[in-house]
Amino acid sequence: MPSPPTSELPVLRKVIRSSTIDLIADQLRNAIYSGLLAPGQSINEVRTAELLVVSRPSLREALQRLVSEGVMTHAPGRGVWVKRMSTDDIDDVYAVREAIEAQAVKIVIRSGKPIARIRQALARLEEAIAGNTARTIGDADLDFHHSIVACSGSVRLSDLMKVSMVHTRLLSLSDPRGYEVRCDLIETHRELAEAIADADEQLSLAIVGRVMSCAASRLHNPLTEPEAVIVRAGDLDEPVDDQWSQLRDTMKP
């Protein structure tokens, strides 16, 4: 079986013109989301600027943006490194996710927005689960939730969701048990898609809340859901060799 494609954050909106800082930040976010830059990995400014063919001042500004987003960490005299999430971050990350997605659900339902994108994302998730590869399932699951936010048409919610998706992925990549996903919640995703299609706001919000609560609980203690069907990352989930391999020899902050 071929390796799954490298994970990338979904395009949240078309940008006519992007600044150099935007482009650098996007590249770094995607590298973190895909696991090509791992939690705890330090960023060598000189080598990274050379790799991306950008100036060091531009790189520093992009790194500072990611620090402010909580994607990277900085300490005087120690530089910048990819944030390693802890159990203290779990509830906060999922509380933010729930707030973003709940508001998106309200907009979609109350404004009667088209939801074809949600149905398409659900179909991709079903296909990913059939393939039984952890990273592909994880990407498709996050893409399904992203599709709800994208359907709202809110640029601000989409920007918040982009960062929240990186936080969610960092939680999984920082888990000492290794990267794993739950693949038996497809029926819950179907229920959510149908509740949105039926304009049942109360049920939709309840499902969103339940999904976030269950995800947080499993990260805190997988034994709380002994019946869960889990797919763990294997060799096929490892990131393919790429430009970021040049930076992987500095794996500590």
C-alpha atoms as a PDB file:
ATOM      1  CA  MET A   1       0.000   0.000   0.000  1.00  0.00           C
ATOM      2  CA  PRO A   2       1.464   3.429  -0.908  1.00  0.00           C
ATOM      3  CA  SER A   3       2.194   5.959   1.796  1.00  0.00           C
ATOM      4  CA  PRO A   4      -0.599   8.450   2.481  1.00  0.00           C
ATOM      5  CA  PRO A   5      -0.127  11.961   1.105  1.00  0.00           C
ATOM      6  CA  THR A   6       1.591  14.491   3.333  1.00  0.00           C
ATOM      7  CA  SER A   7      -0.926  16.138   5.647  1.00  0.00           C
ATOM      8  CA  GLU A   8      -1.714  19.752   4.957  1.00  0.00           C
ATOM      9  CA  LEU A   9      -4.155  22.140   6.507  1.00  0.00           C
ATOM     10  CA  PRO A  10      -7.173  22.638   4.227  1.00  0.00           C
ATOM     11  CA  VAL A  11      -7.205  25.872   2.280  1.00  0.00           C
ATOM     12  CA  LEU A  12      -9.617  28.023   4.245  1.00  0.00           C
ATOM     13  CA  ARG A  13     -10.008  30.793   1.681  1.00  0.00           C
ATOM     14  CA  LYS A  14      -8.389  31.952  -1.498  1.00  0.00           C
ATOM     15  CA  VAL A  15      -5.858  34.683  -0.880  1.00  0.00           C
ATOM     16  CA  ILE A  16      -5.232  37.012  -3.801  1.00  0.00           C
ATOM     17  CA  ARG A  17      -1.991  38.351  -2.372  1.00  0.00           C
ATOM     18  CA  SER A  18      -0.162  37.013   0.634  1.00  0.00           C
ATOM     19  CA  SER A  19       2.713  38.672   2.419  1.00  0.00           C
ATOM     20  CA  THR A  20       6.013  36.870   2.826  1.00  0.00           C
ATOM     21  CA  ILE A  21       5.246  36.570   6.541  1.00  0.00           C
ATOM     22  CA  ASP A  22       1.898  34.889   5.780  1.00  0.00           C
ATOM     23  CA  LEU A  23       3.545  32.403   3.431  1.00  0.00           C
ATOM     24  CA  ILE A  24       6.323  31.529   5.880  1.00  0.00           C
ATOM     25  CA  ALA A  25       3.823  31.056   8.728  1.00  0.00           C
ATOM     26  CA  ASP A  26       1.644  28.852   6.504  1.00  0.00           C
ATOM     27  CA  GLN A  27       4.614  26.660   5.546  1.00  0.00           C
ATOM     28  CA  LEU A  28       5.632  26.231   9.171  1.00  0.00           C
ATOM     29  CA  ARG A  29       2.055  25.468  10.277  1.00  0.00           C
ATOM     30  CA  ASN A  30       1.713  22.824   7.576  1.00  0.00           C
ATOM     31  CA  ALA A  31       5.057  21.277   8.532  1.00  0.00           C
ATOM     32  CA  ILE A  32       3.885  21.034  12.151  1.00  0.00           C
ATOM     33  CA  TYR A  33       0.431  19.742  11.197  1.00  0.00           C
ATOM     34  CA  SER A  34       1.953  17.022   9.036  1.00  0.00           C
ATOM     35  CA  GLY A  35       4.429  15.978  11.716  1.00  0.00           C
ATOM     36  CA  LEU A  36       7.432  17.024   9.626  1.00  0.00           C
ATOM     37  CA  LEU A  37       8.340  19.419  12.428  1.00  0.00           C
ATOM     38  CA  ALA A  38       7.759  17.502  15.651  1.00  0.00           C
ATOM     39  CA  PRO A  39       6.728  18.722  19.108  1.00  0.00           C
ATOM     40  CA  GLY A  40       9.841  19.863  20.942  1.00  0.00           C
ATOM     41  CA  GLN A  41      11.860  20.409  17.768  1.00  0.00           C
ATOM     42  CA  SER A  42      13.927  23.584  17.877  1.00  0.00           C
ATOM     43  CA  ILE A  43      14.060  25.977  14.961  1.00  0.00           C
ATOM     44  CA  ASN A  44      17.504  26.971  13.758  1.00  0.00           C
ATOM     45  CA  GLU A  45      16.953  30.436  12.306  1.00  0.00           C
ATOM     46  CA  VAL A  46      19.898  30.407   9.902  1.00  0.00           C
ATOM     47  CA  ARG A  47      19.164  26.987   8.434  1.00  0.00           C
ATOM     48  CA  THR A  48      15.412  27.558   8.292  1.00  0.00           C
ATOM     49  CA  ALA A  49      15.794  30.916   6.542  1.00  0.00           C
ATOM     50  CA  GLU A  50      18.116  29.289   4.017  1.00  0.00           C
ATOM     51  CA  LEU A  51      15.720  26.391   3.537  1.00  0.00           C
ATOM     52  CA  LEU A  52      12.751  28.666   2.847  1.00  0.00           C
ATOM     53  CA  VAL A  53      14.867  31.218   0.938  1.00  0.00           C
ATOM     54  CA  VAL A  54      13.661  34.099   3.103  1.00  0.00           C
ATOM     55  CA  SER A  55      15.329  36.754   5.218  1.00  0.00           C
ATOM     56  CA  ARG A  56      15.940  36.120   8.896  1.00  0.00           C
ATOM     57  CA  PRO A  57      13.873  39.178   9.931  1.00  0.00           C
ATOM     58  CA  SER A  58      10.893  37.827   7.949  1.00  0.00           C
ATOM     59  CA  LEU A  59      11.360  34.394   9.498  1.00  0.00           C
ATOM     60  CA  ARG A  60      11.540  35.873  12.994  1.00  0.00           C
ATOM     61  CA  GLU A  61       8.296  37.760  12.439  1.00  0.00           C
ATOM     62  CA  ALA A  62       6.560  34.597  11.215  1.00  0.00           C
ATOM     63  CA  LEU A  63       7.915  32.636  14.191  1.00  0.00           C
ATOM     64  CA  GLN A  64       6.659  35.308  16.566  1.00  0.00           C
ATOM     65  CA  ARG A  65       3.213  34.988  15.017  1.00  0.00           C
ATOM     66  CA  LEU A  66       3.253  31.239  15.640  1.00  0.00           C
ATOM     67  CA  VAL A  67       4.427  31.821  19.204  1.00  0.00           C
ATOM     68  CA  SER A  68       1.456  34.162  19.745  1.00  0.00           C
ATOM     69  CA  GLU A  69      -0.834  31.453  18.319  1.00  0.00           C
ATOM     70  CA  GLY A  70       0.469  28.924  20.834  1.00  0.00           C
ATOM     71  CA  VAL A  71       1.935  26.730  18.093  1.00  0.00           C
ATOM     72  CA  MET A  72       5.537  27.448  19.041  1.00  0.00           C
ATOM     73  CA  THR A  73       7.306  28.366  22.265  1.00  0.00           C
ATOM     74  CA  HIS A  74      10.051  30.920  22.880  1.00  0.00           C
ATOM     75  CA  ALA A  75      12.406  31.495  25.778  1.00  0.00           C
ATOM     76  CA  PRO A  76      15.200  34.091  25.982  1.00  0.00           C
ATOM     77  CA  GLY A  77      18.536  32.518  25.218  1.00  0.00           C
ATOM     78  CA  ARG A  78      16.926  29.233  24.163  1.00  0.00           C
ATOM     79  CA  GLY A  79      15.333  30.199  20.865  1.00  0.00           C
ATOM     80  CA  VAL A  80      12.071  28.944  19.395  1.00  0.00           C
ATOM     81  CA  TRP A  81      10.738  25.397  19.233  1.00  0.00           C
ATOM     82  CA  VAL A  82       7.562  23.588  18.293  1.00  0.00           C
ATOM     83  CA  LYS A  83       5.273  23.466  21.291  1.00  0.00           C
ATOM     84  CA  ARG A  84       4.932  20.158  23.067  1.00  0.00           C
ATOM     85  CA  MET A  85       1.410  19.920  24.443  1.00  0.00           C
ATOM     86  CA  SER A  86       0.699  18.521  27.906  1.00  0.00           C
ATOM     87  CA  THR A  87      -2.400  17.170  29.614  1.00  0.00           C
ATOM     88  CA  ASP A  88      -3.003  20.697  30.921  1.00  0.00           C
ATOM     89  CA  ASP A  89      -3.687  21.821  27.339  1.00  0.00           C
ATOM     90  CA  ILE A  90      -6.296  19.187  26.473  1.00  0.00           C
ATOM     91  CA  ASP A  91      -9.456  20.706  27.939  1.00  0.00           C
ATOM     92  CA  ASP A  92      -8.562  24.204  26.762  1.00  0.00           C
ATOM     93  CA  VAL A  93      -7.908  23.117  23.167  1.00  0.00           C
ATOM     94  CA  TYR A  94     -11.197  21.259  22.938  1.00  0.00           C
ATOM     95  CA  ALA A  95     -13.135  24.059  24.641  1.00  0.00           C
ATOM     96  CA  VAL A  96     -11.926  26.415  21.915  1.00  0.00           C
ATOM     97  CA  ARG A  97     -12.709  23.853  19.210  1.00  0.00           C
ATOM     98  CA  GLU A  98     -16.234  23.476  20.558  1.00  0.00           C
ATOM     99  CA  ALA A  99     -16.771  27.252  20.684  1.00  0.00           C
ATOM    100  CA  ILE A 100     -15.613  27.694  17.073  1.00  0.00           C
ATOM    101  CA  GLU A 101     -17.599  24.790  15.651  1.00  0.00           C
ATOM    102  CA  ALA A 102     -20.731  25.561  17.657  1.00  0.00           C
ATOM    103  CA  GLN A 103     -20.775  29.118  16.338  1.00  0.00           C
ATOM    104  CA  ALA A 104     -20.205  27.851  12.800  1.00  0.00           C
ATOM    105  CA  VAL A 105     -23.129  25.426  13.171  1.00  0.00           C
ATOM    106  CA  LYS A 106     -25.386  28.281  14.262  1.00  0.00           C
ATOM    107  CA  ILE A 107     -24.410  30.395  11.255  1.00  0.00           C
ATOM    108  CA  VAL A 108     -24.851  27.529   8.797  1.00  0.00           C
ATOM    109  CA  ILE A 109     -28.279  26.596  10.125  1.00  0.00           C
ATOM    110  CA  ARG A 110     -29.665  30.075  10.771  1.00  0.00           C
ATOM    111  CA  SER A 111     -28.451  31.415   7.419  1.00  0.00           C
ATOM    112  CA  GLY A 112     -29.394  28.330   5.425  1.00  0.00           C
ATOM    113  CA  LYS A 113     -25.878  27.969   4.043  1.00  0.00           C
ATOM    114  CA  PRO A 114     -25.175  25.215   1.465  1.00  0.00           C
ATOM    115  CA  ILE A 115     -23.668  22.131   3.108  1.00  0.00           C
ATOM    116  CA  ALA A 116     -22.410  20.124   0.135  1.00  0.00           C
ATOM    117  CA  ARG A 117     -18.883  20.514   1.470  1.00  0.00           C
ATOM    118  CA  ILE A 118     -19.855  18.811   4.736  1.00  0.00           C
ATOM    119  CA  ARG A 119     -21.294  15.821   2.868  1.00  0.00           C
ATOM    120  CA  GLN A 120     -18.178  15.579   0.701  1.00  0.00           C
ATOM    121  CA  ALA A 121     -15.939  15.660   3.789  1.00  0.00           C
ATOM    122  CA  LEU A 122     -18.053  12.941   5.404  1.00  0.00           C
ATOM    123  CA  ALA A 123     -17.599  10.737   2.333  1.00  0.00           C
ATOM    124  CA  ARG A 124     -13.824  11.240   2.488  1.00  0.00           C
ATOM    125  CA  LEU A 125     -13.832  10.324   6.171  1.00  0.00           C
ATOM    126  CA  GLU A 126     -15.737   7.110   5.457  1.00  0.00           C
ATOM    127  CA  GLU A 127     -13.195   6.256   2.750  1.00  0.00           C
ATOM    128  CA  ALA A 128     -10.284   7.024   5.077  1.00  0.00           C
ATOM    129  CA  ILE A 129     -11.676   4.772   7.805  1.00  0.00           C
ATOM    130  CA  ALA A 130     -11.964   1.952   5.278  1.00  0.00           C
ATOM    131  CA  GLY A 131      -8.266   2.447   4.482  1.00  0.00           C
ATOM    132  CA  ASN A 132      -7.363   1.990   8.166  1.00  0.00           C
ATOM    133  CA  THR A 133      -4.337   4.337   8.211  1.00  0.00           C
ATOM    134  CA  ALA A 134      -4.174   6.503  11.317  1.00  0.00           C
ATOM    135  CA  ARG A 135      -2.852   9.755   9.841  1.00  0.00           C
ATOM    136  CA  THR A 136      -5.222   9.618   6.872  1.00  0.00           C
ATOM    137  CA  ILE A 137      -8.161   9.071   9.222  1.00  0.00           C
ATOM    138  CA  GLY A 138      -6.988  11.905  11.460  1.00  0.00           C
ATOM    139  CA  ASP A 139      -6.677  14.265   8.499  1.00  0.00           C
ATOM    140  CA  ALA A 140     -10.127  13.352   7.197  1.00  0.00           C
ATOM    141  CA  ASP A 141     -11.687  13.723  10.652  1.00  0.00           C
ATOM    142  CA  LEU A 142     -10.264  17.222  11.123  1.00  0.00           C
ATOM    143  CA  ASP A 143     -11.220  18.103   7.543  1.00  0.00           C
ATOM    144  CA  PHE A 144     -14.824  17.117   8.310  1.00  0.00           C
ATOM    145  CA  HIS A 145     -14.924  19.499  11.264  1.00  0.00           C
ATOM    146  CA  HIS A 146     -13.169  22.164   9.215  1.00  0.00           C
ATOM    147  CA  SER A 147     -15.837  21.790   6.516  1.00  0.00           C
ATOM    148  CA  ILE A 148     -18.515  22.900   8.976  1.00  0.00           C
ATOM    149  CA  VAL A 149     -16.580  26.067   9.735  1.00  0.00           C
ATOM    150  CA  ALA A 150     -15.843  26.653   6.051  1.00  0.00           C
ATOM    151  CA  CYS A 151     -19.554  26.374   5.222  1.00  0.00           C
ATOM    152  CA  SER A 152     -20.280  29.208   7.642  1.00  0.00           C
ATOM    153  CA  GLY A 153     -18.437  31.586   5.340  1.00  0.00           C
ATOM    154  CA  SER A 154     -16.853  33.368   8.321  1.00  0.00           C
ATOM    155  CA  VAL A 155     -13.264  34.345   7.582  1.00  0.00           C
ATOM    156  CA  ARG A 156     -12.533  34.988  11.265  1.00  0.00           C
ATOM    157  CA  LEU A 157     -13.895  31.638  12.396  1.00  0.00           C
ATOM    158  CA  SER A 158     -11.880  29.980   9.623  1.00  0.00           C
ATOM    159  CA  ASP A 159      -8.686  31.673  10.788  1.00  0.00           C
ATOM    160  CA  LEU A 160      -9.344  30.538  14.354  1.00  0.00           C
ATOM    161  CA  MET A 161     -10.121  27.013  13.147  1.00  0.00           C
ATOM    162  CA  LYS A 162      -6.865  26.826  11.201  1.00  0.00           C
ATOM    163  CA  VAL A 163      -4.876  27.441  14.375  1.00  0.00           C
ATOM    164  CA  SER A 164      -7.147  25.191  16.430  1.00  0.00           C
ATOM    165  CA  MET A 165      -6.554  22.315  14.018  1.00  0.00           C
ATOM    166  CA  VAL A 166      -2.795  22.660  14.534  1.00  0.00           C
ATOM    167  CA  HIS A 167      -3.338  22.640  18.305  1.00  0.00           C
ATOM    168  CA  THR A 168      -5.460  19.492  17.977  1.00  0.00           C
ATOM    169  CA  ARG A 169      -2.797  17.758  15.900  1.00  0.00           C
ATOM    170  CA  LEU A 170      -0.071  18.804  18.353  1.00  0.00           C
ATOM    171  CA  LEU A 171      -2.061  17.195  21.178  1.00  0.00           C
ATOM    172  CA  SER A 172      -2.038  13.893  19.290  1.00  0.00           C
ATOM    173  CA  LEU A 173       1.614  14.133  18.270  1.00  0.00           C
ATOM    174  CA  SER A 174       2.636  15.035  21.832  1.00  0.00           C
ATOM    175  CA  ASP A 175       0.849  12.040  23.358  1.00  0.00           C
ATOM    176  CA  PRO A 176       3.471   9.727  24.914  1.00  0.00           C
ATOM    177  CA  ARG A 177       1.392   6.748  23.762  1.00  0.00           C
ATOM    178  CA  GLY A 178       2.070   7.758  20.170  1.00  0.00           C
ATOM    179  CA  TYR A 179      -0.199   9.046  17.435  1.00  0.00           C
ATOM    180  CA  GLU A 180      -3.528   7.273  17.353  1.00  0.00           C
ATOM    181  CA  VAL A 181      -7.083   7.990  16.243  1.00  0.00           C
ATOM    182  CA  ARG A 182     -10.499   6.664  17.101  1.00  0.00           C
ATOM    183  CA  CYS A 183     -12.193   5.269  13.990  1.00  0.00           C
ATOM    184  CA  ASP A 184     -15.558   4.062  15.299  1.00  0.00           C
ATOM    185  CA  LEU A 185     -17.276   7.443  15.516  1.00  0.00           C
ATOM    186  CA  ILE A 186     -18.377   7.623  11.891  1.00  0.00           C
ATOM    187  CA  GLU A 187     -22.011   7.194  12.935  1.00  0.00           C
ATOM    188  CA  THR A 188     -21.684  10.244  15.182  1.00  0.00           C
ATOM    189  CA  HIS A 189     -20.303  12.242  12.256  1.00  0.00           C
ATOM    190  CA  ARG A 190     -23.210  11.085  10.098  1.00  0.00           C
ATOM    191  CA  GLU A 191     -25.636  12.155  12.808  1.00  0.00           C
ATOM    192  CA  LEU A 192     -24.021  15.575  12.960  1.00  0.00           C
ATOM    193  CA  ALA A 193     -24.132  16.038   9.187  1.00  0.00           C
ATOM    194  CA  GLU A 194     -27.804  15.033   9.122  1.00  0.00           C
ATOM    195  CA  ALA A 195     -28.703  17.247  12.094  1.00  0.00           C
ATOM    196  CA  ILE A 196     -27.176  20.218  10.293  1.00  0.00           C
ATOM    197  CA  ALA A 197     -28.986  19.265   7.079  1.00  0.00           C
ATOM    198  CA  ASP A 198     -32.261  19.088   9.042  1.00  0.00           C
ATOM    199  CA  ALA A 199     -31.521  22.516  10.567  1.00  0.00           C
ATOM    200  CA  ASP A 200     -31.777  20.955  14.035  1.00  0.00           C
ATOM    201  CA  GLU A 201     -29.601  23.417  15.899  1.00  0.00           C
ATOM    202  CA  GLN A 202     -30.105  21.975  19.364  1.00  0.00           C
ATOM    203  CA  LEU A 203     -29.171  18.447  18.311  1.00  0.00           C
ATOM    204  CA  SER A 204     -26.231  19.665  16.224  1.00  0.00           C
ATOM    205  CA  LEU A 205     -24.769  21.614  19.134  1.00  0.00           C
ATOM    206  CA  ALA A 206     -25.277  18.663  21.475  1.00  0.00           C
ATOM    207  CA  ILE A 207     -23.384  16.372  19.103  1.00  0.00           C
ATOM    208  CA  VAL A 208     -20.526  18.857  18.707  1.00  0.00           C
ATOM    209  CA  GLY A 209     -20.255  19.078  22.492  1.00  0.00           C
ATOM    210  CA  ARG A 210     -20.293  15.309  22.865  1.00  0.00           C
ATOM    211  CA  VAL A 211     -17.578  14.820  20.231  1.00  0.00           C
ATOM    212  CA  MET A 212     -15.286  17.331  21.931  1.00  0.00           C
ATOM    213  CA  SER A 213     -15.919  15.931  25.403  1.00  0.00           C
ATOM    214  CA  CYS A 214     -15.214  12.356  24.287  1.00  0.00           C
ATOM    215  CA  ALA A 215     -12.017  13.358  22.466  1.00  0.00           C
ATOM    216  CA  ALA A 216     -10.694  15.214  25.499  1.00  0.00           C
ATOM    217  CA  SER A 217     -11.590  12.347  27.837  1.00  0.00           C
ATOM    218  CA  ARG A 218      -9.798   9.802  25.658  1.00  0.00           C
ATOM    219  CA  LEU A 219      -6.626  11.898  25.585  1.00  0.00           C
ATOM    220  CA  HIS A 220      -6.735  12.237  29.369  1.00  0.00           C
ATOM    221  CA  ASN A 221      -7.319   8.530  29.906  1.00  0.00           C
ATOM    222  CA  PRO A 222      -8.060   6.026  27.121  1.00  0.00           C
ATOM    223  CA  LEU A 223      -9.340   3.570  29.724  1.00  0.00           C
ATOM    224  CA  THR A 224     -12.463   5.729  30.125  1.00  0.00           C
ATOM    225  CA  GLU A 225     -13.593   4.305  26.772  1.00  0.00           C
ATOM    226  CA  PRO A 226     -12.465   0.671  26.772  1.00  0.00           C
ATOM    227  CA  GLU A 227     -14.838  -0.123  23.902  1.00  0.00           C
ATOM    228  CA  ALA A 228     -13.250   2.452  21.572  1.00  0.00           C
ATOM    229  CA  VAL A 229     -11.791   1.170  18.304  1.00  0.00           C
ATOM    230  CA  ILE A 230      -8.353   2.754  17.919  1.00  0.00           C
ATOM    231  CA  VAL A 231      -5.995   2.861  14.950  1.00  0.00           C
ATOM    232  CA  ARG A 232      -2.383   3.577  15.854  1.00  0.00           C
ATOM    233  CA  ALA A 233       0.224   5.079  13.578  1.00  0.00           C
ATOM    234  CA  GLY A 234       2.520   2.629  11.849  1.00  0.00           C
ATOM    235  CA  ASP A 235       5.290   2.835   9.282  1.00  0.00           C
ATOM    236  CA  LEU A 236       2.933   4.127   6.591  1.00  0.00           C
ATOM    237  CA  ASP A 237       2.073   7.098   8.778  1.00  0.00           C
ATOM    238  CA  GLU A 238       5.649   8.321   9.035  1.00  0.00           C
ATOM    239  CA  PRO A 239       6.212  11.600   7.182  1.00  0.00           C
ATOM    240  CA  VAL A 240       7.949  11.166   3.858  1.00  0.00           C
ATOM    241  CA  ASP A 241      11.458  12.564   3.550  1.00  0.00           C
ATOM    242  CA  ASP A 242      11.298  16.182   2.480  1.00  0.00           C
ATOM    243  CA  GLN A 243      13.022  19.552   2.796  1.00  0.00           C
ATOM    244  CA  TRP A 244      12.400  19.645   6.557  1.00  0.00           C
ATOM    245  CA  SER A 245      14.618  16.599   7.087  1.00  0.00           C
ATOM    246  CA  GLN A 246      17.557  19.007   7.143  1.00  0.00           C
ATOM    247  CA  LEU A 247      16.274  20.438  10.417  1.00  0.00           C
ATOM    248  CA  ARG A 248      15.542  17.225  12.300  1.00  0.00           C
ATOM    249  CA  ASP A 249      18.878  16.925  14.034  1.00  0.00           C
ATOM    250  CA  THR A 250      17.854  19.470  16.686  1.00  0.00           C
ATOM    251  CA  MET A 251      15.001  17.712  18.437  1.00  0.00           C
ATOM    252  CA  LYS A 252      15.226  19.357  21.821  1.00  0.00           C
ATOM    253  CA  PRO A 253      14.291  22.879  22.896  1.00  0.00           C
END
